[in-house]
């Protein structure tokens, strides 16, 4: 059995009926913790391993882990469709999520308080956004914390003044994916590194993968596997 934290498992099992793959979510930190504890063979993560995590793997297993880049992604800033704002600068996004900008009128919108929604600290998305957008400044003290990107989408949909963030693949036909510095979060702009909030998605193993684990990772990096990556809403590494 191969254990991992990604929805690509289902497609793999269709091609390999003799292999059972169990997929579970919960955020990058949850998957990495399970990998360190030996509960899974593979974990998916939207961030690199931290030095403390590499050290734990090295101390416990005598290796420094192995990482595989499997997809490219962008972090979108989500807005309610009733919000007239469609474009924010990078600095405005930072100001909103740190709490320095508190009213939509400060960025050309209506005179309404901004409702900031963020992921929980165990999320790789939370950490990536804090590091690359907020430059390690703290999130607004008034921010509402939700456990999943889907929960953020749902909250933005019911609150005209809400703003959240998450992967490019989520909420395409529901919420507004705000332009940043005038640039849309599209596959082309992500692939060309024009959109300003871009990240890679990783698969991690404790040691060099073998047998079924190796087979799964090899498949993800084939043209067929990368097609599944694209269907999942991510940007494949292979260009065909």
C-alpha atoms as a PDB file:
ATOM      1  CA  UNK A   1       0.000   0.000   0.000  1.00  0.00           C
ATOM      2  CA  UNK A   2       1.233   3.458  -0.898  1.00  0.00           C
ATOM      3  CA  UNK A   3       0.062   6.212   1.434  1.00  0.00           C
ATOM      4  CA  UNK A   4       0.098   9.849   0.394  1.00  0.00           C
ATOM      5  CA  UNK A   5      -1.836  13.084   0.642  1.00  0.00           C
ATOM      6  CA  UNK A   6      -2.975  13.849  -2.911  1.00  0.00           C
ATOM      7  CA  UNK A   7      -6.078  13.269  -5.012  1.00  0.00           C
ATOM      8  CA  UNK A   8      -3.975  11.881  -7.882  1.00  0.00           C
ATOM      9  CA  UNK A   9      -4.165   8.499  -6.132  1.00  0.00           C
ATOM     10  CA  UNK A  10      -7.509   7.572  -7.684  1.00  0.00           C
ATOM     11  CA  UNK A  11      -6.259   7.898 -11.248  1.00  0.00           C
ATOM     12  CA  UNK A  12      -3.185   5.858 -10.471  1.00  0.00           C
ATOM     13  CA  UNK A  13      -5.239   2.990  -9.046  1.00  0.00           C
ATOM     14  CA  UNK A  14      -7.328   2.869 -12.234  1.00  0.00           C
ATOM     15  CA  UNK A  15      -4.132   1.974 -14.077  1.00  0.00           C
ATOM     16  CA  UNK A  16      -2.735  -0.258 -11.329  1.00  0.00           C
ATOM     17  CA  UNK A  17      -5.582  -2.195  -9.782  1.00  0.00           C
ATOM     18  CA  UNK A  18      -3.231  -4.398  -7.758  1.00  0.00           C
ATOM     19  CA  UNK A  19      -1.953  -1.408  -5.772  1.00  0.00           C
ATOM     20  CA  UNK A  20      -4.043   0.219  -3.058  1.00  0.00           C
ATOM     21  CA  UNK A  21      -3.468   3.928  -2.505  1.00  0.00           C
ATOM     22  CA  UNK A  22      -4.941   5.749   0.468  1.00  0.00           C
ATOM     23  CA  UNK A  23      -5.127   9.528   0.205  1.00  0.00           C
ATOM     24  CA  UNK A  24      -5.683  11.902   3.113  1.00  0.00           C
ATOM     25  CA  UNK A  25      -5.622  15.699   3.416  1.00  0.00           C
ATOM     26  CA  UNK A  26      -5.009  18.098   6.270  1.00  0.00           C
ATOM     27  CA  UNK A  27      -2.289  20.459   5.091  1.00  0.00           C
ATOM     28  CA  UNK A  28       1.417  20.201   4.323  1.00  0.00           C
ATOM     29  CA  UNK A  29       2.471  20.111   7.976  1.00  0.00           C
ATOM     30  CA  UNK A  30       0.137  17.181   8.656  1.00  0.00           C
ATOM     31  CA  UNK A  31       1.515  15.199   5.731  1.00  0.00           C
ATOM     32  CA  UNK A  32       5.131  15.926   6.626  1.00  0.00           C
ATOM     33  CA  UNK A  33       4.513  14.950  10.255  1.00  0.00           C
ATOM     34  CA  UNK A  34       2.986  11.660   9.100  1.00  0.00           C
ATOM     35  CA  UNK A  35       6.009  11.040   6.868  1.00  0.00           C
ATOM     36  CA  UNK A  36       8.407  11.665   9.755  1.00  0.00           C
ATOM     37  CA  UNK A  37       6.404   9.330  12.007  1.00  0.00           C
ATOM     38  CA  UNK A  38       6.453   6.578   9.397  1.00  0.00           C
ATOM     39  CA  UNK A  39       2.687   6.603   8.899  1.00  0.00           C
ATOM     40  CA  UNK A  40       2.884   7.335   5.162  1.00  0.00           C
ATOM     41  CA  UNK A  41       5.318   6.452   2.406  1.00  0.00           C
ATOM     42  CA  UNK A  42       4.823   9.659   0.434  1.00  0.00           C
ATOM     43  CA  UNK A  43       3.583  13.088   1.412  1.00  0.00           C
ATOM     44  CA  UNK A  44       2.559  15.943  -0.832  1.00  0.00           C
ATOM     45  CA  UNK A  45       3.494  19.459   0.178  1.00  0.00           C
ATOM     46  CA  UNK A  46       3.159  22.972  -1.177  1.00  0.00           C
ATOM     47  CA  UNK A  47       6.390  24.069   0.521  1.00  0.00           C
ATOM     48  CA  UNK A  48       9.973  22.855   0.986  1.00  0.00           C
ATOM     49  CA  UNK A  49      10.813  20.902   4.114  1.00  0.00           C
ATOM     50  CA  UNK A  50      12.019  22.997   7.020  1.00  0.00           C
ATOM     51  CA  UNK A  51      15.485  22.377   8.449  1.00  0.00           C
ATOM     52  CA  UNK A  52      13.985  20.928  11.633  1.00  0.00           C
ATOM     53  CA  UNK A  53      11.926  18.441   9.585  1.00  0.00           C
ATOM     54  CA  UNK A  54      14.948  17.329   7.563  1.00  0.00           C
ATOM     55  CA  UNK A  55      16.875  16.868  10.805  1.00  0.00           C
ATOM     56  CA  UNK A  56      14.141  14.671  12.319  1.00  0.00           C
ATOM     57  CA  UNK A  57      14.109  12.438   9.249  1.00  0.00           C
ATOM     58  CA  UNK A  58      17.902  12.194   9.279  1.00  0.00           C
ATOM     59  CA  UNK A  59      18.007  11.308  12.984  1.00  0.00           C
ATOM     60  CA  UNK A  60      15.270   8.698  12.693  1.00  0.00           C
ATOM     61  CA  UNK A  61      16.012   7.116   9.316  1.00  0.00           C
ATOM     62  CA  UNK A  62      19.631   7.961   8.542  1.00  0.00           C
ATOM     63  CA  UNK A  63      18.716   9.886   5.390  1.00  0.00           C
ATOM     64  CA  UNK A  64      17.845  13.496   4.585  1.00  0.00           C
ATOM     65  CA  UNK A  65      14.694  12.653   2.584  1.00  0.00           C
ATOM     66  CA  UNK A  66      14.145  12.871  -1.166  1.00  0.00           C
ATOM     67  CA  UNK A  67      12.034  15.537  -2.873  1.00  0.00           C
ATOM     68  CA  UNK A  68      10.358  15.532  -6.286  1.00  0.00           C
ATOM     69  CA  UNK A  69       8.937  18.575  -8.066  1.00  0.00           C
ATOM     70  CA  UNK A  70       5.670  17.421  -9.620  1.00  0.00           C
ATOM     71  CA  UNK A  71       3.661  20.542 -10.498  1.00  0.00           C
ATOM     72  CA  UNK A  72       3.581  24.309 -10.531  1.00  0.00           C
ATOM     73  CA  UNK A  73       0.848  26.341  -8.865  1.00  0.00           C
ATOM     74  CA  UNK A  74      -0.189  29.911  -8.172  1.00  0.00           C
ATOM     75  CA  UNK A  75      -1.816  31.378  -5.099  1.00  0.00           C
ATOM     76  CA  UNK A  76      -4.922  33.327  -6.045  1.00  0.00           C
ATOM     77  CA  UNK A  77      -6.487  36.108  -4.028  1.00  0.00           C
ATOM     78  CA  UNK A  78     -10.226  35.441  -3.805  1.00  0.00           C
ATOM     79  CA  UNK A  79     -12.934  38.123  -3.826  1.00  0.00           C
ATOM     80  CA  UNK A  80     -16.727  37.979  -3.695  1.00  0.00           C
ATOM     81  CA  UNK A  81     -18.305  38.519  -7.152  1.00  0.00           C
ATOM     82  CA  UNK A  82     -20.263  41.484  -5.735  1.00  0.00           C
ATOM     83  CA  UNK A  83     -17.059  43.272  -4.766  1.00  0.00           C
ATOM     84  CA  UNK A  84     -16.248  45.841  -7.508  1.00  0.00           C
ATOM     85  CA  UNK A  85     -12.502  45.389  -6.974  1.00  0.00           C
ATOM     86  CA  UNK A  86     -10.841  43.290  -9.669  1.00  0.00           C
ATOM     87  CA  UNK A  87      -7.211  44.384  -9.381  1.00  0.00           C
ATOM     88  CA  UNK A  88      -4.888  44.923  -6.420  1.00  0.00           C
ATOM     89  CA  UNK A  89      -1.193  45.698  -6.277  1.00  0.00           C
ATOM     90  CA  UNK A  90       1.153  43.320  -4.501  1.00  0.00           C
ATOM     91  CA  UNK A  91       1.684  45.935  -1.778  1.00  0.00           C
ATOM     92  CA  UNK A  92      -2.081  46.381  -1.327  1.00  0.00           C
ATOM     93  CA  UNK A  93      -2.496  42.624  -0.848  1.00  0.00           C
ATOM     94  CA  UNK A  94       0.265  42.692   1.760  1.00  0.00           C
ATOM     95  CA  UNK A  95      -1.357  45.674   3.502  1.00  0.00           C
ATOM     96  CA  UNK A  96      -4.752  43.985   3.630  1.00  0.00           C
ATOM     97  CA  UNK A  97      -3.526  40.675   5.028  1.00  0.00           C
ATOM     98  CA  UNK A  98      -1.266  42.310   7.628  1.00  0.00           C
ATOM     99  CA  UNK A  99      -4.161  44.508   8.752  1.00  0.00           C
ATOM    100  CA  UNK A 100      -2.616  47.830   7.720  1.00  0.00           C
ATOM    101  CA  UNK A 101      -5.392  48.341   5.169  1.00  0.00           C
ATOM    102  CA  UNK A 102      -8.750  47.801   6.853  1.00  0.00           C
ATOM    103  CA  UNK A 103     -11.351  49.370   4.547  1.00  0.00           C
ATOM    104  CA  UNK A 104     -12.103  48.686   0.894  1.00  0.00           C
ATOM    105  CA  UNK A 105     -12.231  52.426   0.155  1.00  0.00           C
ATOM    106  CA  UNK A 106      -8.458  52.555   0.776  1.00  0.00           C
ATOM    107  CA  UNK A 107      -7.949  50.488  -2.391  1.00  0.00           C
ATOM    108  CA  UNK A 108     -10.671  52.059  -4.525  1.00  0.00           C
ATOM    109  CA  UNK A 109     -13.635  50.063  -3.285  1.00  0.00           C
ATOM    110  CA  UNK A 110     -16.706  50.764  -1.183  1.00  0.00           C
ATOM    111  CA  UNK A 111     -16.651  52.184   2.334  1.00  0.00           C
ATOM    112  CA  UNK A 112     -16.793  48.771   4.008  1.00  0.00           C
ATOM    113  CA  UNK A 113     -14.552  46.968   6.481  1.00  0.00           C
ATOM    114  CA  UNK A 114     -12.393  44.251   4.932  1.00  0.00           C
ATOM    115  CA  UNK A 115     -12.967  40.726   6.243  1.00  0.00           C
ATOM    116  CA  UNK A 116      -9.656  38.874   5.975  1.00  0.00           C
ATOM    117  CA  UNK A 117      -9.694  35.066   5.820  1.00  0.00           C
ATOM    118  CA  UNK A 118      -6.558  32.927   6.067  1.00  0.00           C
ATOM    119  CA  UNK A 119      -5.538  29.271   6.306  1.00  0.00           C
ATOM    120  CA  UNK A 120      -4.471  27.607   9.546  1.00  0.00           C
ATOM    121  CA  UNK A 121      -0.765  27.582  10.521  1.00  0.00           C
ATOM    122  CA  UNK A 122      -0.397  23.863   9.688  1.00  0.00           C
ATOM    123  CA  UNK A 123      -0.957  24.744   6.029  1.00  0.00           C
ATOM    124  CA  UNK A 124       1.911  25.107   3.601  1.00  0.00           C
ATOM    125  CA  UNK A 125      -0.196  27.747   1.879  1.00  0.00           C
ATOM    126  CA  UNK A 126      -0.330  29.778   5.115  1.00  0.00           C
ATOM    127  CA  UNK A 127       3.457  29.655   5.463  1.00  0.00           C
ATOM    128  CA  UNK A 128       4.183  30.359   1.802  1.00  0.00           C
ATOM    129  CA  UNK A 129       1.864  33.369   1.736  1.00  0.00           C
ATOM    130  CA  UNK A 130       3.389  34.733   4.936  1.00  0.00           C
ATOM    131  CA  UNK A 131       6.926  34.329   3.642  1.00  0.00           C
ATOM    132  CA  UNK A 132       6.528  35.441   0.024  1.00  0.00           C
ATOM    133  CA  UNK A 133       3.698  37.973   0.208  1.00  0.00           C
ATOM    134  CA  UNK A 134       3.850  39.359   3.744  1.00  0.00           C
ATOM    135  CA  UNK A 135       7.669  39.175   3.912  1.00  0.00           C
ATOM    136  CA  UNK A 136       7.360  37.348   7.250  1.00  0.00           C
ATOM    137  CA  UNK A 137       5.176  40.046   8.811  1.00  0.00           C
ATOM    138  CA  UNK A 138       2.325  38.751  10.945  1.00  0.00           C
ATOM    139  CA  UNK A 139      -1.187  38.264   9.657  1.00  0.00           C
ATOM    140  CA  UNK A 140      -3.898  40.684  10.747  1.00  0.00           C
ATOM    141  CA  UNK A 141      -5.068  40.033  14.296  1.00  0.00           C
ATOM    142  CA  UNK A 142      -8.635  40.269  12.994  1.00  0.00           C
ATOM    143  CA  UNK A 143      -8.158  37.569  10.367  1.00  0.00           C
ATOM    144  CA  UNK A 144     -10.525  34.620  10.457  1.00  0.00           C
ATOM    145  CA  UNK A 145      -8.725  31.266  10.313  1.00  0.00           C
ATOM    146  CA  UNK A 146     -10.308  28.428   8.322  1.00  0.00           C
ATOM    147  CA  UNK A 147      -8.929  24.892   7.914  1.00  0.00           C
ATOM    148  CA  UNK A 148      -9.250  24.387   4.152  1.00  0.00           C
ATOM    149  CA  UNK A 149      -9.231  26.311   0.896  1.00  0.00           C
ATOM    150  CA  UNK A 150     -12.776  25.088   0.205  1.00  0.00           C
ATOM    151  CA  UNK A 151     -13.912  26.622   3.500  1.00  0.00           C
ATOM    152  CA  UNK A 152     -12.320  29.947   2.496  1.00  0.00           C
ATOM    153  CA  UNK A 153     -14.114  29.832  -0.869  1.00  0.00           C
ATOM    154  CA  UNK A 154     -17.447  29.212   0.868  1.00  0.00           C
ATOM    155  CA  UNK A 155     -16.925  32.111   3.274  1.00  0.00           C
ATOM    156  CA  UNK A 156     -15.934  34.515   0.496  1.00  0.00           C
ATOM    157  CA  UNK A 157     -19.069  33.536  -1.419  1.00  0.00           C
ATOM    158  CA  UNK A 158     -21.400  34.565   1.406  1.00  0.00           C
ATOM    159  CA  UNK A 159     -19.589  37.767   2.431  1.00  0.00           C
ATOM    160  CA  UNK A 160     -19.279  40.652  -0.062  1.00  0.00           C
ATOM    161  CA  UNK A 161     -16.426  42.167   1.956  1.00  0.00           C
ATOM    162  CA  UNK A 162     -14.352  39.024   2.404  1.00  0.00           C
ATOM    163  CA  UNK A 163     -10.935  38.348   0.922  1.00  0.00           C
ATOM    164  CA  UNK A 164      -9.037  35.078   1.081  1.00  0.00           C
ATOM    165  CA  UNK A 165      -6.339  33.148  -0.733  1.00  0.00           C
ATOM    166  CA  UNK A 166      -5.651  29.669  -2.014  1.00  0.00           C
ATOM    167  CA  UNK A 167      -4.599  27.578  -4.959  1.00  0.00           C
ATOM    168  CA  UNK A 168      -5.337  28.555  -8.526  1.00  0.00           C
ATOM    169  CA  UNK A 169      -7.371  25.369  -9.023  1.00  0.00           C
ATOM    170  CA  UNK A 170     -10.078  26.325  -6.524  1.00  0.00           C
ATOM    171  CA  UNK A 171     -13.285  28.292  -7.024  1.00  0.00           C
ATOM    172  CA  UNK A 172     -12.729  29.112 -10.695  1.00  0.00           C
ATOM    173  CA  UNK A 173     -16.397  29.643 -11.523  1.00  0.00           C
ATOM    174  CA  UNK A 174     -17.426  30.841  -8.072  1.00  0.00           C
ATOM    175  CA  UNK A 175     -15.216  33.580  -6.674  1.00  0.00           C
ATOM    176  CA  UNK A 176     -13.202  36.315  -8.399  1.00  0.00           C
ATOM    177  CA  UNK A 177      -9.517  35.504  -8.805  1.00  0.00           C
ATOM    178  CA  UNK A 178      -8.169  39.028  -8.371  1.00  0.00           C
ATOM    179  CA  UNK A 179      -5.530  40.361 -10.746  1.00  0.00           C
ATOM    180  CA  UNK A 180      -2.275  41.234  -8.979  1.00  0.00           C
ATOM    181  CA  UNK A 181      -0.370  44.195 -10.440  1.00  0.00           C
ATOM    182  CA  UNK A 182      -2.714  43.918 -13.406  1.00  0.00           C
ATOM    183  CA  UNK A 183      -1.734  40.317 -14.118  1.00  0.00           C
ATOM    184  CA  UNK A 184      -4.280  37.487 -14.133  1.00  0.00           C
ATOM    185  CA  UNK A 185      -3.595  34.144 -12.480  1.00  0.00           C
ATOM    186  CA  UNK A 186      -3.693  32.064 -15.675  1.00  0.00           C
ATOM    187  CA  UNK A 187      -1.741  28.982 -16.707  1.00  0.00           C
ATOM    188  CA  UNK A 188       0.212  30.996 -19.266  1.00  0.00           C
ATOM    189  CA  UNK A 189       1.148  33.733 -16.785  1.00  0.00           C
ATOM    190  CA  UNK A 190       2.138  31.173 -14.157  1.00  0.00           C
ATOM    191  CA  UNK A 191       4.219  29.120 -16.578  1.00  0.00           C
ATOM    192  CA  UNK A 192       6.013  32.263 -17.777  1.00  0.00           C
ATOM    193  CA  UNK A 193       6.575  33.473 -14.189  1.00  0.00           C
ATOM    194  CA  UNK A 194       4.682  36.699 -14.891  1.00  0.00           C
ATOM    195  CA  UNK A 195       2.079  36.258 -12.159  1.00  0.00           C
ATOM    196  CA  UNK A 196       3.771  37.310  -8.886  1.00  0.00           C
ATOM    197  CA  UNK A 197       2.634  34.569  -6.466  1.00  0.00           C
ATOM    198  CA  UNK A 198       3.925  31.257  -7.812  1.00  0.00           C
ATOM    199  CA  UNK A 199       4.997  28.091  -6.026  1.00  0.00           C
ATOM    200  CA  UNK A 200       5.948  24.470  -6.754  1.00  0.00           C
ATOM    201  CA  UNK A 201       4.249  21.345  -5.426  1.00  0.00           C
ATOM    202  CA  UNK A 202       6.422  18.548  -4.044  1.00  0.00           C
ATOM    203  CA  UNK A 203       6.267  14.870  -3.216  1.00  0.00           C
ATOM    204  CA  UNK A 204       8.561  13.743  -0.390  1.00  0.00           C
ATOM    205  CA  UNK A 205       9.833  10.334   0.698  1.00  0.00           C
ATOM    206  CA  UNK A 206      12.037   9.480   3.659  1.00  0.00           C
ATOM    207  CA  UNK A 207      14.550   7.625   1.516  1.00  0.00           C
ATOM    208  CA  UNK A 208      15.132   6.911  -2.166  1.00  0.00           C
ATOM    209  CA  UNK A 209      11.823   5.389  -3.328  1.00  0.00           C
ATOM    210  CA  UNK A 210      11.578   1.775  -4.391  1.00  0.00           C
ATOM    211  CA  UNK A 211       8.945  -0.637  -5.727  1.00  0.00           C
ATOM    212  CA  UNK A 212       5.362   0.702  -5.617  1.00  0.00           C
ATOM    213  CA  UNK A 213       6.394   4.078  -4.214  1.00  0.00           C
ATOM    214  CA  UNK A 214       8.870   4.589  -7.049  1.00  0.00           C
ATOM    215  CA  UNK A 215       6.287   3.415  -9.564  1.00  0.00           C
ATOM    216  CA  UNK A 216       3.789   6.039  -8.414  1.00  0.00           C
ATOM    217  CA  UNK A 217       6.275   8.916  -8.492  1.00  0.00           C
ATOM    218  CA  UNK A 218       7.609   7.833 -11.891  1.00  0.00           C
ATOM    219  CA  UNK A 219       4.026   7.794 -13.221  1.00  0.00           C
ATOM    220  CA  UNK A 220       3.250  11.310 -11.940  1.00  0.00           C
ATOM    221  CA  UNK A 221       6.227  12.583 -13.931  1.00  0.00           C
ATOM    222  CA  UNK A 222       5.157  10.896 -17.190  1.00  0.00           C
ATOM    223  CA  UNK A 223       3.046  12.644 -19.820  1.00  0.00           C
ATOM    224  CA  UNK A 224       0.015  10.683 -18.603  1.00  0.00           C
ATOM    225  CA  UNK A 225       0.599  11.647 -14.988  1.00  0.00           C
ATOM    226  CA  UNK A 226       1.170  15.277 -15.882  1.00  0.00           C
ATOM    227  CA  UNK A 227      -2.150  15.263 -17.768  1.00  0.00           C
ATOM    228  CA  UNK A 228      -3.792  14.304 -14.460  1.00  0.00           C
ATOM    229  CA  UNK A 229      -1.903  17.137 -12.776  1.00  0.00           C
ATOM    230  CA  UNK A 230      -3.412  19.537 -15.314  1.00  0.00           C
ATOM    231  CA  UNK A 231      -6.917  18.116 -14.906  1.00  0.00           C
ATOM    232  CA  UNK A 232      -6.554  18.690 -11.166  1.00  0.00           C
ATOM    233  CA  UNK A 233      -6.113  22.393 -11.862  1.00  0.00           C
ATOM    234  CA  UNK A 234      -2.349  22.603 -11.425  1.00  0.00           C
ATOM    235  CA  UNK A 235       0.306  23.547 -13.985  1.00  0.00           C
ATOM    236  CA  UNK A 236       2.177  20.503 -15.323  1.00  0.00           C
ATOM    237  CA  UNK A 237       5.947  20.575 -15.529  1.00  0.00           C
ATOM    238  CA  UNK A 238       5.914  18.853 -18.915  1.00  0.00           C
ATOM    239  CA  UNK A 239       4.934  21.020 -21.876  1.00  0.00           C
ATOM    240  CA  UNK A 240       3.454  19.131 -24.838  1.00  0.00           C
END
